[in-house]
Amino acid sequence: MGALIVGGAVALVIWSQVGVMGAEEAPLAEVTEDASIDYDDGDAAITMAPADGASEAGYVFYPGAKVDAAAYANRLADLVRDEGMTVVIVRPWLNLAFFDLRPLDDFTALAPDVDTWAVGGHSLGGVRSCQLAGDADALILFASYCATDLSGSGLPVLSLSGSEDGLSTPDKIAEAADQLPSDAVFDEIDGAAHASFGDYGDQPGDGEATIPDEEMNARVEGAVAELFDGVGG
């Protein structure tokens, strides 16, 4: 039995490292070369903060399964540039957020001066973030849904989805809506696919995106900023 457990653990580790979807170089370079953003790529997380001073609001973000954390930097960078937020993109254990047992304050501690924190993530990263939402001030999901009942939590919640998503389809998100508070905001972005929420290329089983990256960035920024306006961030 012990040998089977060890063998299974080794197989999981190997599988988690194969087929990881990496960040596209050009979108990432726009962020890392931007003097207005302090970009810190650490072992536990990528932290992006305004270079000209401290911020009051932050967002801890969990990547989708086997997607490099850096693939989300460009999609979230406007929150730093324009909204003055701090964004912490987790580097999950085994590239799978669902197996990462670290508490939320391991990541909020990377920006101790931030007062208001949202947690969220993309796809399975969003599922993990729902488990941690009780320790945050808001929940922001990208092409994801909860398997944790937060319907009575009173949390401000934003659920962003894509009309062309072939994985977290609009129907799947609607079916899980009862896990969220009744006043949760659901925003379906026309022309967005599952992979539109990051910059890591096409994903098997996904639909075809028709929305340009620049417009996608603007939709994400606007929706997240509006949510934070409601929680005093």
Protein backbone atom coordinates (compact mmCIF):
# COMPACT_ATOMS: atom_id res chain seq x y z
CA MET A 1 0.00 0.00 0.00
CA GLY A 2 2.82 2.38 0.89
CA ALA A 3 4.46 1.80 -2.48
CA LEU A 4 1.17 2.58 -4.25
CA ILE A 5 0.80 5.85 -2.34
CA VAL A 6 4.37 6.87 -3.10
CA GLY A 7 3.94 5.90 -6.74
CA GLY A 8 0.72 7.90 -6.98
CA ALA A 9 2.37 10.94 -5.41
CA VAL A 10 5.30 10.74 -7.83
CA ALA A 11 2.93 10.39 -10.78
CA LEU A 12 0.99 13.46 -9.62
CA VAL A 13 4.16 15.54 -9.34
CA ILE A 14 5.30 14.49 -12.81
CA TRP A 15 1.86 15.16 -14.33
CA SER A 16 1.70 18.60 -12.70
CA GLN A 17 4.93 19.63 -14.43
CA VAL A 18 4.02 18.37 -17.91
CA GLY A 19 2.07 20.59 -20.28
CA VAL A 20 2.18 23.73 -18.14
CA MET A 21 0.89 26.63 -20.23
CA GLY A 22 3.51 29.35 -20.16
CA ALA A 23 3.15 33.10 -20.36
CA GLU A 24 3.37 34.68 -23.81
CA GLU A 25 6.51 36.79 -24.00
CA ALA A 26 5.23 40.05 -25.50
CA PRO A 27 2.32 40.71 -23.08
CA LEU A 28 4.53 39.85 -20.11
CA ALA A 29 7.29 42.18 -21.30
CA GLU A 30 4.81 45.07 -21.40
CA VAL A 31 4.42 44.63 -17.65
CA THR A 32 7.97 43.81 -16.57
CA GLU A 33 9.35 46.77 -18.55
CA ASP A 34 6.74 49.24 -17.28
CA ALA A 35 8.40 51.71 -14.89
CA SER A 36 5.05 52.50 -13.26
CA ILE A 37 4.79 48.93 -11.89
CA ASP A 38 6.99 47.30 -9.27
CA TYR A 39 7.09 43.70 -10.53
CA ASP A 40 8.50 41.17 -8.07
CA ASP A 41 8.62 37.55 -9.22
CA GLY A 42 9.08 35.57 -6.03
CA ASP A 43 9.01 31.87 -5.25
CA ALA A 44 5.54 32.01 -3.67
CA ALA A 45 3.91 34.64 -5.85
CA ILE A 46 4.28 37.46 -8.32
CA THR A 47 3.57 40.82 -6.69
CA MET A 48 2.70 43.88 -8.76
CA ALA A 49 2.37 47.23 -7.01
CA PRO A 50 2.32 50.89 -8.03
CA ALA A 51 5.86 52.20 -8.26
CA ASP A 52 4.85 55.65 -7.02
CA GLY A 53 3.50 54.66 -3.62
CA ALA A 54 1.50 52.32 -1.42
CA SER A 55 -1.99 51.16 -2.33
CA GLU A 56 -5.05 50.63 -0.15
CA ALA A 57 -6.68 47.77 -2.11
CA GLY A 58 -5.28 44.41 -3.15
CA TYR A 59 -6.25 41.29 -5.06
CA VAL A 60 -4.85 37.81 -4.41
CA PHE A 61 -5.30 35.83 -7.61
CA TYR A 62 -5.03 32.05 -8.15
CA PRO A 63 -4.13 30.81 -11.68
CA GLY A 64 -6.01 28.13 -13.54
CA ALA A 65 -4.69 24.58 -13.45
CA LYS A 66 -1.24 24.23 -14.99
CA VAL A 67 -1.13 27.85 -16.17
CA ASP A 68 1.98 29.88 -15.33
CA ALA A 69 1.20 32.69 -12.89
CA ALA A 70 2.98 35.20 -15.15
CA ALA A 71 0.40 34.55 -17.88
CA TYR A 72 -2.06 36.73 -15.94
CA ALA A 73 0.24 39.70 -15.35
CA ASN A 74 -0.82 41.70 -18.40
CA ARG A 75 -4.52 41.07 -17.86
CA LEU A 76 -4.29 42.41 -14.30
CA ALA A 77 -1.70 45.16 -14.83
CA ASP A 78 -4.21 47.95 -15.50
CA LEU A 79 -5.52 47.46 -11.97
CA VAL A 80 -2.06 48.51 -10.79
CA ARG A 81 -1.42 51.27 -13.34
CA ASP A 82 -4.81 52.93 -13.35
CA GLU A 83 -6.50 51.91 -10.09
CA GLY A 84 -3.48 51.95 -7.77
CA MET A 85 -4.11 48.40 -6.57
CA THR A 86 -1.63 45.75 -5.50
CA VAL A 87 -2.02 42.39 -7.24
CA VAL A 88 -0.53 39.17 -5.86
CA ILE A 89 -0.59 36.26 -8.33
CA VAL A 90 -0.02 33.02 -6.46
CA ARG A 91 2.43 30.41 -7.69
CA PRO A 92 0.49 27.33 -6.53
CA TRP A 93 2.02 24.12 -5.33
CA LEU A 94 2.31 21.62 -8.21
CA ASN A 95 0.84 24.29 -10.55
CA LEU A 96 -2.58 23.32 -9.14
CA ALA A 97 -4.27 25.81 -6.82
CA PHE A 98 -6.64 23.17 -5.48
CA PHE A 99 -3.74 21.36 -3.78
CA ASP A 100 -2.22 24.53 -2.32
CA LEU A 101 -3.05 24.59 1.40
CA ARG A 102 -1.33 27.85 2.31
CA PRO A 103 -3.65 30.36 4.03
CA LEU A 104 -4.59 33.64 2.41
CA ASP A 105 -2.51 35.68 4.83
CA ASP A 106 0.65 34.07 3.45
CA PHE A 107 0.00 36.22 0.38
CA THR A 108 -1.61 39.34 1.85
CA ALA A 109 1.49 39.55 4.06
CA LEU A 110 3.49 40.35 0.91
CA ALA A 111 1.80 43.78 0.94
CA PRO A 112 1.24 44.56 4.65
CA ASP A 113 0.14 48.16 4.06
CA VAL A 114 -2.91 47.15 1.99
CA ASP A 115 -6.16 47.46 3.96
CA THR A 116 -8.78 45.86 1.69
CA TRP A 117 -8.31 42.51 0.00
CA ALA A 118 -10.23 40.56 -2.59
CA VAL A 119 -9.42 36.96 -3.39
CA GLY A 120 -10.22 35.20 -6.62
CA GLY A 121 -8.86 33.33 -9.55
CA HIS A 122 -9.31 31.80 -12.96
CA SER A 123 -11.03 28.46 -13.57
CA LEU A 124 -9.91 25.93 -10.91
CA GLY A 125 -7.99 28.75 -9.26
CA GLY A 126 -11.32 30.42 -8.67
CA VAL A 127 -12.69 27.26 -7.07
CA ARG A 128 -9.79 27.34 -4.60
CA SER A 129 -10.32 31.04 -3.91
CA CYS A 130 -13.92 30.36 -2.87
CA GLN A 131 -12.55 28.22 -0.04
CA LEU A 132 -10.56 31.23 1.23
CA ALA A 133 -13.18 33.90 0.67
CA GLY A 134 -14.15 34.06 4.34
CA ASP A 135 -10.78 35.67 5.05
CA ALA A 136 -11.19 38.36 2.39
CA ASP A 137 -13.32 41.45 1.85
CA ALA A 138 -14.57 40.42 -1.61
CA LEU A 139 -14.47 37.57 -4.13
CA ILE A 140 -13.66 38.00 -7.84
CA LEU A 141 -13.98 35.00 -10.16
CA PHE A 142 -12.67 34.74 -13.73
CA ALA A 143 -14.40 32.03 -15.78
CA SER A 144 -15.05 30.07 -12.62
CA TYR A 145 -17.61 29.14 -10.00
CA CYS A 146 -17.78 27.98 -6.39
CA ALA A 147 -18.15 24.50 -4.98
CA THR A 148 -18.29 26.15 -1.54
CA ASP A 149 -21.58 27.57 -0.31
CA LEU A 150 -21.08 31.32 0.15
CA SER A 151 -24.73 32.23 -0.35
CA GLY A 152 -25.10 33.53 3.19
CA SER A 153 -21.68 35.16 3.48
CA GLY A 154 -22.70 38.72 2.59
CA LEU A 155 -19.48 39.07 0.58
CA PRO A 156 -19.37 41.37 -2.45
CA VAL A 157 -18.86 39.01 -5.39
CA LEU A 158 -17.99 39.59 -9.04
CA SER A 159 -18.18 36.69 -11.51
CA LEU A 160 -16.67 37.46 -14.91
CA SER A 161 -17.27 34.96 -17.70
CA GLY A 162 -16.94 34.68 -21.46
CA SER A 163 -19.66 34.10 -24.02
CA GLU A 164 -17.33 31.82 -26.03
CA ASP A 165 -15.94 29.84 -23.10
CA GLY A 166 -15.93 26.13 -23.93
CA LEU A 167 -14.78 25.00 -20.46
CA SER A 168 -16.43 27.11 -17.75
CA THR A 169 -19.44 27.57 -19.99
CA PRO A 170 -22.15 30.15 -19.24
CA ASP A 171 -24.50 27.26 -18.40
CA LYS A 172 -22.08 25.81 -15.83
CA ILE A 173 -21.63 29.20 -14.18
CA ALA A 174 -25.40 29.72 -14.06
CA GLU A 175 -25.91 26.26 -12.50
CA ALA A 176 -23.57 27.13 -9.61
CA ALA A 177 -24.93 30.63 -9.05
CA ASP A 178 -26.85 29.54 -5.95
CA GLN A 179 -23.53 29.05 -4.16
CA LEU A 180 -23.02 32.83 -4.22
CA PRO A 181 -24.88 35.67 -2.47
CA SER A 182 -28.09 36.78 -4.19
CA ASP A 183 -26.58 40.18 -5.02
CA ALA A 184 -23.46 38.74 -6.72
CA VAL A 185 -22.65 40.54 -9.97
CA PHE A 186 -22.47 38.30 -13.05
CA ASP A 187 -20.79 39.93 -16.05
CA GLU A 188 -20.56 37.87 -19.26
CA ILE A 189 -18.00 39.38 -21.64
CA ASP A 190 -19.09 39.06 -25.24
CA GLY A 191 -16.46 37.40 -27.42
CA ALA A 192 -14.30 36.15 -24.53
CA ALA A 193 -13.20 32.51 -24.32
CA HIS A 194 -11.73 30.63 -21.36
CA ALA A 195 -8.16 31.52 -22.32
CA SER A 196 -9.08 35.19 -22.81
CA PHE A 197 -8.53 35.72 -19.09
CA GLY A 198 -4.78 35.21 -19.48
CA ASP A 199 -2.01 35.30 -22.07
CA TYR A 200 -0.98 31.67 -22.51
CA GLY A 201 -2.27 30.73 -25.95
CA ASP A 202 -5.10 28.44 -26.98
CA GLN A 203 -6.51 25.80 -24.63
CA PRO A 204 -7.95 22.42 -25.69
CA GLY A 205 -11.74 22.33 -25.54
CA ASP A 206 -12.10 26.09 -25.46
CA GLY A 207 -14.17 28.23 -27.80
CA GLU A 208 -12.76 30.80 -30.21
CA ALA A 209 -12.24 34.27 -28.77
CA THR A 210 -13.20 37.31 -30.82
CA ILE A 211 -12.43 40.06 -28.30
CA PRO A 212 -9.07 41.88 -28.65
CA ASP A 213 -6.72 41.74 -25.66
CA GLU A 214 -6.84 45.52 -25.15
CA GLU A 215 -10.62 45.45 -24.88
CA MET A 216 -10.48 42.43 -22.58
CA ASN A 217 -8.08 44.26 -20.27
CA ALA A 218 -10.43 47.25 -20.16
CA ARG A 219 -13.46 45.09 -19.34
CA VAL A 220 -11.62 43.36 -16.51
CA GLU A 221 -10.30 46.62 -15.08
CA GLY A 222 -13.66 48.36 -15.21
CA ALA A 223 -15.58 45.54 -13.57
CA VAL A 224 -13.05 44.97 -10.79
CA ALA A 225 -12.72 48.70 -10.07
CA GLU A 226 -16.49 49.02 -9.79
CA LEU A 227 -16.62 46.17 -7.28
CA PHE A 228 -13.92 47.78 -5.14
CA ASP A 229 -15.81 51.08 -5.19
CA GLY A 230 -18.56 49.21 -3.38
CA VAL A 231 -16.30 47.78 -0.67
CA GLY A 232 -14.44 50.98 0.06
CA GLY A 233 -11.22 49.96 -1.68
